[in-house]
Amino acid sequence: MNIFDELSWRGLVHQCSDEAELRKHLSSRDRVMYCGFDPTADSLHIGNLVPLMALARFAKAGHKPLFLLGGATGLIGDPSGKDKERQMRTADMVAASAEKIRSQAMAFFERQGVADRVTPVNNLDWTQPISVIEFLRDTGKHFTINYMMAKDSVKSRIGREDTGISYTEFSYMILQSLDYEYLNRTMGCTLQIGGGDQFGNITAGLELIRRKSGSQAFALTFPLITTATGAKFGKSEKGAIYLNTALTSPYAFYQYWINADDRDVCNFLRYFTYLSKEAIDALAVETAERPHLRAAQKTLARETTTMIHGAEELAKVEAVTEALFGGGDLRTVDAATLRAALDAAPGKNYDALDVVPPLPKLLVDLALCPSLSQARKDIKAGGIYLNNVRVADENQTLAASDYIGGNIALLRKGKKNYGVVTLGV
């Protein structure tokens, strides 16, 4: 299947400069295309997954994607979709973020089996040596103010008396155009892809290529993804869902996808997995007929977690999920994953085993019981569990063997009220 048709049935084509010619162009292998990622943070997030996966899809289809790091454009700030100036970051901060994102992205492509076909590039390499005079004469002269002000990213800011737009961010479009023209001229790049808010910047690059060389080039953008409730995709109660495990644990990553709304899940399967149309259609039928089984959500969570974190982390997450919600043996699960799963539960940490109080006092300290007397009553009534095992002795103290991985124990009152005891964490 032509990669353009693949993206189309998945609902990933929002705008393109010439659909018929682009489809024809992509019918031949080894086409070079790129997508830019400005290093505005130290990690990519799931909002970056559509373009990131698009590069992998192009590579799997036999093309040669470029992963462009905005070492230069990241110093300027893209006005697209912003109602005020971006906070400026230092050159060292941008360079550090760029390296972290480069490593993260190339590890992703390695897991997809396409790292040998994806080339990372950094626009600072060809932008930094250009003098101001060269930039204004060789690139700036090809853009009229009228043309630039007609772009939505500029037009929306010009009319704001409170913020407006600085010349710095106004020039972003020209810098991005310079990237496309440079890659077209030096590497034969003929397609730039990006989010829907990038169409103006990308077509500006097409204009620069047309004016300077007349070479063939195309633009393609993806739709803005929102949830069925109208919420912004990729946000949780704690903020963005990052690909970096230090910022979003594999457990939290998995839970984001498994909690997808029935109205969203099949769209997400199209956007964020490599599953075939037939497989997704079958899951759509199962979701409609037996929604309580959540087969589509489980598939989505497995596919995305494996893609980003690997099969080993998926196994840990599923083991903890089953133990917590299915009554499985908690003592066999990964301790770090269990801690991540319970990060919202009340917890108490102790430096050593001998300072951990008896169970009734622990229950009070964790706010699972209001008093020592109530704690003893709850234990006698069979309502208290240690690592999913009912506690019978109201004077029980925790032994070393009760700590999963040597440092975490889970107390539960009833079915849903959890408390976490850790040692030396």
Protein backbone atom coordinates (compact mmCIF):
# COMPACT_ATOMS: atom_id res chain seq x y z
CA MET A 1 0.00 0.00 0.00
CA ASN A 2 1.23 3.50 -0.82
CA ILE A 3 2.21 5.23 2.45
CA PHE A 4 -0.11 8.13 1.55
CA ASP A 5 -3.06 5.73 1.42
CA GLU A 6 -1.90 4.14 4.68
CA LEU A 7 -1.96 7.53 6.42
CA SER A 8 -5.31 8.38 4.79
CA TRP A 9 -7.26 5.37 6.09
CA ARG A 10 -5.81 5.99 9.52
CA GLY A 11 -7.25 9.52 9.44
CA LEU A 12 -3.81 11.10 9.59
CA VAL A 13 -3.98 13.34 6.50
CA HIS A 14 -5.27 16.80 7.34
CA GLN A 15 -3.79 19.00 4.61
CA CYS A 16 -1.39 18.42 1.73
CA SER A 17 -0.06 20.64 -1.01
CA ASP A 18 -0.93 18.38 -3.99
CA GLU A 19 -2.60 15.09 -3.11
CA ALA A 20 -2.45 13.44 -6.54
CA GLU A 21 1.17 14.35 -7.18
CA LEU A 22 2.24 13.47 -3.64
CA ARG A 23 0.66 10.02 -3.85
CA LYS A 24 2.43 9.47 -7.18
CA HIS A 25 5.70 10.76 -5.74
CA LEU A 26 5.52 8.36 -2.78
CA SER A 27 4.88 5.35 -5.02
CA SER A 28 8.66 5.18 -5.51
CA ARG A 29 10.92 4.10 -2.63
CA ASP A 30 13.71 6.07 -0.95
CA ARG A 31 11.96 9.42 -0.87
CA VAL A 32 13.51 11.76 1.72
CA MET A 33 11.16 13.61 4.08
CA TYR A 34 11.50 15.30 7.44
CA CYS A 35 9.66 16.44 10.52
CA GLY A 36 11.01 19.00 12.96
CA PHE A 37 10.93 18.79 16.76
CA ASP A 38 11.93 21.88 18.73
CA PRO A 39 13.63 20.99 22.05
CA THR A 40 11.32 22.99 24.31
CA ALA A 41 11.51 20.33 27.06
CA ASP A 42 13.76 17.45 28.07
CA SER A 43 11.38 14.77 26.84
CA LEU A 44 8.94 14.08 24.04
CA HIS A 45 5.33 13.46 25.08
CA ILE A 46 2.49 11.48 23.54
CA GLY A 47 1.39 14.55 21.60
CA ASN A 48 4.59 13.98 19.58
CA LEU A 49 3.68 10.38 18.81
CA VAL A 50 1.74 11.05 15.59
CA PRO A 51 4.69 12.71 13.77
CA LEU A 52 7.21 10.40 15.44
CA MET A 53 5.30 7.31 14.33
CA ALA A 54 4.76 8.87 10.89
CA LEU A 55 8.53 8.94 10.37
CA ALA A 56 8.66 5.27 11.41
CA ARG A 57 5.77 4.46 9.05
CA PHE A 58 7.61 6.15 6.17
CA ALA A 59 10.75 4.19 7.02
CA LYS A 60 8.84 0.90 7.12
CA ALA A 61 7.43 1.79 3.68
CA GLY A 62 10.96 2.06 2.28
CA HIS A 63 11.57 5.80 2.51
CA LYS A 64 14.35 7.80 4.21
CA PRO A 65 13.05 10.04 7.00
CA LEU A 66 15.05 12.81 8.64
CA PHE A 67 14.44 13.52 12.33
CA LEU A 68 15.15 17.24 12.59
CA LEU A 69 16.08 18.74 15.95
CA GLY A 70 15.40 22.45 16.20
CA GLY A 71 18.66 23.48 17.84
CA ALA A 72 18.27 26.86 16.11
CA THR A 73 14.49 27.27 15.87
CA GLY A 74 14.20 26.14 19.50
CA LEU A 75 16.12 29.29 20.46
CA ILE A 76 13.56 31.49 18.68
CA GLY A 77 10.09 30.11 19.45
CA ASP A 78 7.31 29.10 17.08
CA PRO A 79 4.31 31.45 17.30
CA SER A 80 1.98 28.78 15.84
CA GLY A 81 -0.86 28.06 18.25
CA LYS A 82 0.52 30.48 20.86
CA ASP A 83 -1.23 33.62 22.10
CA LYS A 84 1.91 35.12 23.67
CA GLU A 85 5.68 35.00 23.42
CA ARG A 86 7.40 31.81 24.50
CA GLN A 87 9.75 32.10 27.47
CA MET A 88 13.29 32.26 26.07
CA ARG A 89 15.70 29.48 27.11
CA THR A 90 19.47 29.69 27.11
CA ALA A 91 21.52 28.11 24.35
CA ASP A 92 22.95 25.57 26.80
CA MET A 93 19.47 24.57 27.96
CA VAL A 94 18.25 24.11 24.38
CA ALA A 95 21.36 22.10 23.44
CA ALA A 96 20.94 19.82 26.47
CA SER A 97 17.26 19.23 25.70
CA ALA A 98 18.08 18.57 22.04
CA GLU A 99 20.54 15.84 22.95
CA LYS A 100 18.07 14.17 25.32
CA ILE A 101 15.34 14.23 22.68
CA ARG A 102 17.70 12.94 19.99
CA SER A 103 18.66 9.96 22.17
CA GLN A 104 15.03 9.31 23.06
CA ALA A 105 13.86 9.45 19.45
CA MET A 106 16.64 7.23 18.10
CA ALA A 107 15.92 4.67 20.84
CA PHE A 108 12.29 4.75 19.68
CA PHE A 109 13.30 4.14 16.05
CA GLU A 110 15.59 1.34 17.21
CA ARG A 111 12.63 -0.40 18.89
CA GLN A 112 10.62 -0.01 15.68
CA GLY A 113 13.45 -1.64 13.71
CA VAL A 114 14.00 1.41 11.47
CA ALA A 115 16.93 3.25 13.09
CA ASP A 116 19.13 2.41 10.11
CA ARG A 117 16.78 4.35 7.81
CA VAL A 118 16.18 7.42 10.01
CA THR A 119 18.84 10.16 10.06
CA PRO A 120 18.92 12.74 12.87
CA VAL A 121 19.87 16.29 11.84
CA ASN A 122 20.07 19.56 13.78
CA ASN A 123 19.22 22.86 12.10
CA LEU A 124 21.76 24.68 14.27
CA ASP A 125 24.49 23.05 12.15
CA TRP A 126 23.57 25.00 9.00
CA THR A 127 21.89 28.03 10.59
CA GLN A 128 24.57 29.11 13.06
CA PRO A 129 27.29 29.83 10.43
CA ILE A 130 25.02 32.21 8.48
CA SER A 131 25.62 35.91 9.09
CA VAL A 132 22.75 38.36 9.55
CA ILE A 133 23.52 39.94 6.17
CA GLU A 134 23.52 36.55 4.43
CA PHE A 135 20.23 35.63 6.09
CA LEU A 136 18.53 38.87 5.04
CA ARG A 137 19.91 38.91 1.50
CA ASP A 138 19.77 35.20 0.59
CA THR A 139 16.60 34.15 2.41
CA GLY A 140 14.69 37.16 3.73
CA LYS A 141 14.48 38.83 0.32
CA HIS A 142 12.23 35.99 -0.92
CA PHE A 143 9.48 36.81 1.62
CA THR A 144 7.16 39.79 1.53
CA ILE A 145 5.66 41.17 4.72
CA ASN A 146 2.23 40.82 3.10
CA TYR A 147 2.81 37.07 2.55
CA MET A 148 3.99 36.50 6.10
CA MET A 149 1.19 38.50 7.72
CA ALA A 150 -1.41 36.45 5.86
CA LYS A 151 -0.31 33.29 7.74
CA ASP A 152 -2.63 32.32 10.59
CA SER A 153 0.22 31.98 13.11
CA VAL A 154 1.13 35.64 12.55
CA LYS A 155 -2.34 37.04 11.86
CA SER A 156 -3.74 35.79 15.17
CA ARG A 157 -0.96 37.53 17.10
CA ILE A 158 -0.85 40.81 15.16
CA GLY A 159 -4.34 41.71 16.34
CA ARG A 160 -3.51 41.28 20.05
CA GLU A 161 -2.72 44.66 21.59
CA ASP A 162 -1.63 43.10 24.87
CA THR A 163 1.09 40.82 23.46
CA GLY A 164 1.47 41.21 19.70
CA ILE A 165 4.43 39.41 18.16
CA SER A 166 8.16 40.18 18.32
CA TYR A 167 10.36 40.28 15.26
CA THR A 168 12.09 37.21 16.74
CA GLU A 169 9.01 34.99 16.55
CA PHE A 170 7.86 36.72 13.36
CA SER A 171 11.08 35.43 11.74
CA TYR A 172 10.43 31.82 12.80
CA MET A 173 8.62 31.06 9.54
CA ILE A 174 11.67 32.13 7.53
CA LEU A 175 14.00 29.97 9.62
CA GLN A 176 11.79 26.91 9.16
CA SER A 177 11.63 27.66 5.43
CA LEU A 178 15.42 27.87 5.35
CA ASP A 179 15.55 24.36 6.86
CA TYR A 180 13.34 22.91 4.13
CA GLU A 181 15.25 24.64 1.34
CA TYR A 182 18.60 23.52 2.77
CA LEU A 183 17.50 19.89 3.15
CA ASN A 184 15.93 19.93 -0.32
CA ARG A 185 19.13 21.28 -1.86
CA THR A 186 21.67 19.18 0.06
CA MET A 187 19.83 15.92 0.84
CA GLY A 188 17.11 15.71 -1.79
CA CYS A 189 14.33 16.14 0.78
CA THR A 190 10.99 16.50 -0.99
CA LEU A 191 8.41 16.32 1.80
CA GLN A 192 7.95 18.06 5.13
CA ILE A 193 5.35 16.67 7.55
CA GLY A 194 3.99 18.17 10.76
CA GLY A 195 0.99 19.08 12.85
CA GLY A 196 -1.96 20.94 11.40
CA ASP A 197 -0.76 24.23 12.88
CA GLN A 198 2.45 23.92 10.82
CA PHE A 199 0.88 24.11 7.36
CA GLY A 200 1.62 27.82 6.98
CA ASN A 201 5.27 27.37 7.93
CA ILE A 202 5.66 24.33 5.67
CA THR A 203 4.10 25.98 2.62
CA ALA A 204 6.37 28.98 3.22
CA GLY A 205 9.23 26.52 2.78
CA LEU A 206 7.68 25.34 -0.48
CA GLU A 207 7.58 28.95 -1.63
CA LEU A 208 11.26 29.45 -0.80
CA ILE A 209 12.23 26.28 -2.69
CA ARG A 210 10.16 27.39 -5.67
CA ARG A 211 11.78 30.81 -5.74
CA LYS A 212 15.37 29.60 -5.27
CA SER A 213 15.49 26.42 -7.38
CA GLY A 214 12.05 25.38 -8.59
CA SER A 215 12.69 21.85 -7.24
CA GLN A 216 9.81 19.51 -6.49
CA ALA A 217 8.62 19.54 -2.88
CA PHE A 218 5.45 18.79 -0.91
CA ALA A 219 3.71 19.54 2.38
CA LEU A 220 1.59 17.20 4.52
CA THR A 221 0.06 17.84 7.93
CA PHE A 222 -1.77 15.73 10.51
CA PRO A 223 -5.03 16.64 12.24
CA LEU A 224 -5.20 18.14 15.70
CA ILE A 225 -6.23 15.31 18.00
CA THR A 226 -8.81 15.91 20.71
CA THR A 227 -10.83 13.52 22.81
CA ALA A 228 -14.57 12.90 22.49
CA THR A 229 -15.13 15.19 25.48
CA GLY A 230 -13.32 18.03 23.73
CA ALA A 231 -10.32 17.81 26.06
CA LYS A 232 -6.81 18.24 24.73
CA PHE A 233 -5.26 14.90 23.88
CA GLY A 234 -2.30 13.78 25.96
CA LYS A 235 -3.20 15.48 29.23
CA SER A 236 -3.89 13.70 32.52
CA GLU A 237 -4.73 15.04 35.97
CA LYS A 238 -1.00 15.36 36.59
CA GLY A 239 -0.22 17.05 33.28
CA ALA A 240 1.39 15.82 30.07
CA ILE A 241 2.10 12.13 29.47
CA TYR A 242 5.82 11.98 28.71
CA LEU A 243 7.82 9.24 27.02
CA ASN A 244 10.57 9.58 29.62
CA THR A 245 10.04 7.11 32.48
CA ALA A 246 11.46 9.61 34.99
CA LEU A 247 8.58 11.97 34.16
CA THR A 248 5.76 9.47 33.49
CA SER A 249 6.08 5.92 34.78
CA PRO A 250 5.29 3.00 32.43
CA TYR A 251 2.36 2.20 34.76
CA ALA A 252 0.90 5.72 34.42
CA PHE A 253 1.54 5.59 30.67
CA TYR A 254 -0.35 2.27 30.42
CA GLN A 255 -3.21 3.57 32.55
CA TYR A 256 -3.68 6.63 30.33
CA TRP A 257 -4.41 4.43 27.33
CA ILE A 258 -6.46 1.78 29.12
CA ASN A 259 -8.76 4.52 30.41
CA ALA A 260 -9.54 5.76 26.88
CA ASP A 261 -13.18 6.57 26.23
CA ASP A 262 -15.05 4.04 24.07
CA ARG A 263 -15.68 6.88 21.61
CA ASP A 264 -11.95 7.54 21.25
CA VAL A 265 -10.33 4.14 21.47
CA CYS A 266 -10.65 2.99 17.84
CA ASN A 267 -9.39 6.34 16.56
CA PHE A 268 -6.44 5.99 18.92
CA LEU A 269 -5.79 2.48 17.61
CA ARG A 270 -5.58 3.93 14.09
CA TYR A 271 -3.35 6.81 15.11
CA PHE A 272 -1.03 5.17 17.62
CA THR A 273 -0.56 1.53 16.62
CA TYR A 274 0.55 -0.45 13.58
CA LEU A 275 -2.52 -2.72 13.76
CA SER A 276 -4.25 -3.46 10.46
CA LYS A 277 -7.63 -2.04 9.48
CA GLU A 278 -9.17 -5.50 9.83
CA ALA A 279 -7.87 -5.91 13.38
CA ILE A 280 -9.11 -2.47 14.42
CA ASP A 281 -12.52 -3.02 12.81
CA ALA A 282 -12.86 -6.28 14.75
CA LEU A 283 -12.04 -4.49 18.01
CA ALA A 284 -14.61 -1.81 17.14
CA VAL A 285 -17.29 -4.49 16.83
CA GLU A 286 -16.25 -6.07 20.14
CA THR A 287 -16.29 -2.67 21.87
CA ALA A 288 -19.82 -2.02 20.59
CA GLU A 289 -21.13 -5.44 21.56
CA ARG A 290 -19.21 -6.08 24.83
CA PRO A 291 -17.90 -2.72 26.07
CA HIS A 292 -17.43 -4.00 29.62
CA LEU A 293 -14.58 -6.25 28.47
CA ARG A 294 -12.59 -3.21 27.27
CA ALA A 295 -10.80 -5.32 24.68
CA ALA A 296 -9.90 -2.33 22.51
CA GLN A 297 -8.52 -0.36 25.45
CA LYS A 298 -6.42 -3.30 26.64
CA THR A 299 -5.05 -3.80 23.14
CA LEU A 300 -4.28 -0.09 22.81
CA ALA A 301 -2.50 0.00 26.18
CA ARG A 302 -0.45 -3.10 25.37
CA GLU A 303 0.55 -1.88 21.92
CA THR A 304 1.55 1.63 22.96
CA THR A 305 3.35 0.56 26.15
CA THR A 306 5.33 -2.08 24.29
CA MET A 307 6.17 0.39 21.52
CA ILE A 308 7.51 3.03 23.94
CA HIS A 309 8.77 1.05 26.94
CA GLY A 310 9.25 -2.50 25.68
CA ALA A 311 7.71 -5.90 26.35
CA GLU A 312 9.50 -6.34 29.69
CA GLU A 313 8.00 -3.16 31.17
CA LEU A 314 4.57 -4.13 29.81
CA ALA A 315 4.82 -7.47 31.64
CA LYS A 316 5.63 -5.67 34.91
CA VAL A 317 2.74 -3.26 34.48
CA GLU A 318 0.23 -5.98 33.65
CA ALA A 319 1.40 -8.08 36.61
CA VAL A 320 0.88 -5.16 39.01
CA THR A 321 -2.48 -4.32 37.44
CA GLU A 322 -3.67 -7.90 37.84
CA ALA A 323 -2.41 -8.09 41.42
CA LEU A 324 -4.05 -4.83 42.45
CA PHE A 325 -7.36 -5.23 40.69
CA GLY A 326 -7.61 -8.97 40.20
CA GLY A 327 -6.48 -10.11 43.63
CA GLY A 328 -3.22 -11.67 42.41
CA ASP A 329 -0.08 -12.32 44.43
CA LEU A 330 1.55 -8.95 45.10
CA ARG A 331 4.75 -10.54 46.40
CA THR A 332 5.73 -11.61 42.89
CA VAL A 333 5.43 -8.21 41.18
CA ASP A 334 8.12 -5.61 40.44
CA ALA A 335 8.51 -3.31 43.46
CA ALA A 336 9.31 -0.15 41.47
CA THR A 337 6.25 -0.62 39.25
CA LEU A 338 4.09 -1.21 42.33
CA ARG A 339 5.35 2.03 43.90
CA ALA A 340 4.55 3.90 40.69
CA ALA A 341 1.05 2.42 40.64
CA LEU A 342 0.43 3.61 44.19
CA ASP A 343 2.03 7.03 44.04
CA ALA A 344 -1.29 8.69 44.89
CA ALA A 345 -1.92 6.45 47.93
CA PRO A 346 -0.98 7.67 51.42
CA GLY A 347 2.42 6.41 52.46
CA LYS A 348 4.86 6.22 55.35
CA ASN A 349 8.58 5.66 55.02
CA TYR A 350 10.80 4.26 57.77
CA ASP A 351 14.58 4.12 57.94
CA ALA A 352 14.71 0.62 59.40
CA LEU A 353 12.47 -2.37 60.11
CA ASP A 354 12.73 -2.05 63.90
CA VAL A 355 11.14 1.42 63.96
CA VAL A 356 8.02 0.41 62.03
CA PRO A 357 5.07 0.50 64.46
CA PRO A 358 2.59 -2.39 64.91
CA LEU A 359 -0.15 -2.78 62.36
CA PRO A 360 -2.94 -0.86 64.23
CA LYS A 361 -0.69 2.21 64.58
CA LEU A 362 0.30 1.92 60.91
CA LEU A 363 -3.34 1.93 59.87
CA VAL A 364 -3.93 5.14 61.85
CA ASP A 365 -0.75 6.80 60.52
CA LEU A 366 -1.85 6.00 56.97
CA ALA A 367 -5.32 7.46 57.67
CA LEU A 368 -6.94 4.12 56.82
CA CYS A 369 -8.49 4.00 60.30
CA PRO A 370 -9.46 6.93 62.58
CA SER A 371 -8.21 5.35 65.83
CA LEU A 372 -6.29 2.41 67.28
CA SER A 373 -9.50 0.89 68.64
CA GLN A 374 -11.17 1.12 65.22
CA ALA A 375 -8.10 -0.35 63.58
CA ARG A 376 -8.28 -3.40 65.89
CA LYS A 377 -12.02 -3.75 65.20
CA ASP A 378 -11.41 -3.62 61.44
CA ILE A 379 -8.71 -6.29 61.71
CA LYS A 380 -10.98 -8.55 63.79
CA ALA A 381 -13.76 -8.05 61.24
CA GLY A 382 -11.49 -9.26 58.44
CA GLY A 383 -11.41 -5.93 56.61
CA ILE A 384 -7.64 -5.34 56.60
CA TYR A 385 -5.22 -6.86 54.06
CA LEU A 386 -1.43 -6.93 53.89
CA ASN A 387 -0.17 -7.47 50.34
CA ASN A 388 -3.65 -8.76 49.39
CA VAL A 389 -3.68 -11.31 52.25
CA ARG A 390 -6.28 -10.84 55.00
CA VAL A 391 -4.76 -9.99 58.40
CA ALA A 392 -6.00 -11.98 61.39
CA ASP A 393 -3.75 -10.80 64.26
CA GLU A 394 -4.60 -7.35 65.62
CA ASN A 395 -1.11 -7.04 67.14
CA GLN A 396 0.78 -8.07 64.02
CA THR A 397 4.01 -6.32 63.12
CA LEU A 398 5.55 -6.32 59.66
CA ALA A 399 8.40 -8.76 59.12
CA ALA A 400 11.21 -8.36 56.58
CA SER A 401 9.50 -10.96 54.38
CA ASP A 402 6.43 -8.70 54.10
CA TYR A 403 8.33 -6.11 52.07
CA ILE A 404 8.09 -6.66 48.32
CA GLY A 405 11.49 -6.18 46.75
CA GLY A 406 12.80 -5.63 50.26
CA ASN A 407 11.30 -2.17 50.69
CA ILE A 408 7.57 -1.86 50.02
CA ALA A 409 4.46 -3.29 51.69
CA LEU A 410 0.84 -2.61 50.80
CA LEU A 411 -1.96 -2.26 53.32
CA ARG A 412 -5.56 -2.21 52.19
CA LYS A 413 -8.83 -1.53 53.98
CA GLY A 414 -11.82 -2.95 52.20
CA LYS A 415 -11.59 -3.03 48.40
CA LYS A 416 -10.19 0.37 47.42
CA ASN A 417 -8.44 2.12 50.31
CA TYR A 418 -4.67 1.64 50.05
CA GLY A 419 -1.69 2.66 52.12
CA VAL A 420 1.98 2.13 51.35
CA VAL A 421 4.79 1.38 53.81
CA THR A 422 8.36 1.73 52.56
CA LEU A 423 11.76 1.11 54.07
CA GLY A 424 14.62 3.50 53.40
CA VAL A 425 13.10 4.97 50.25
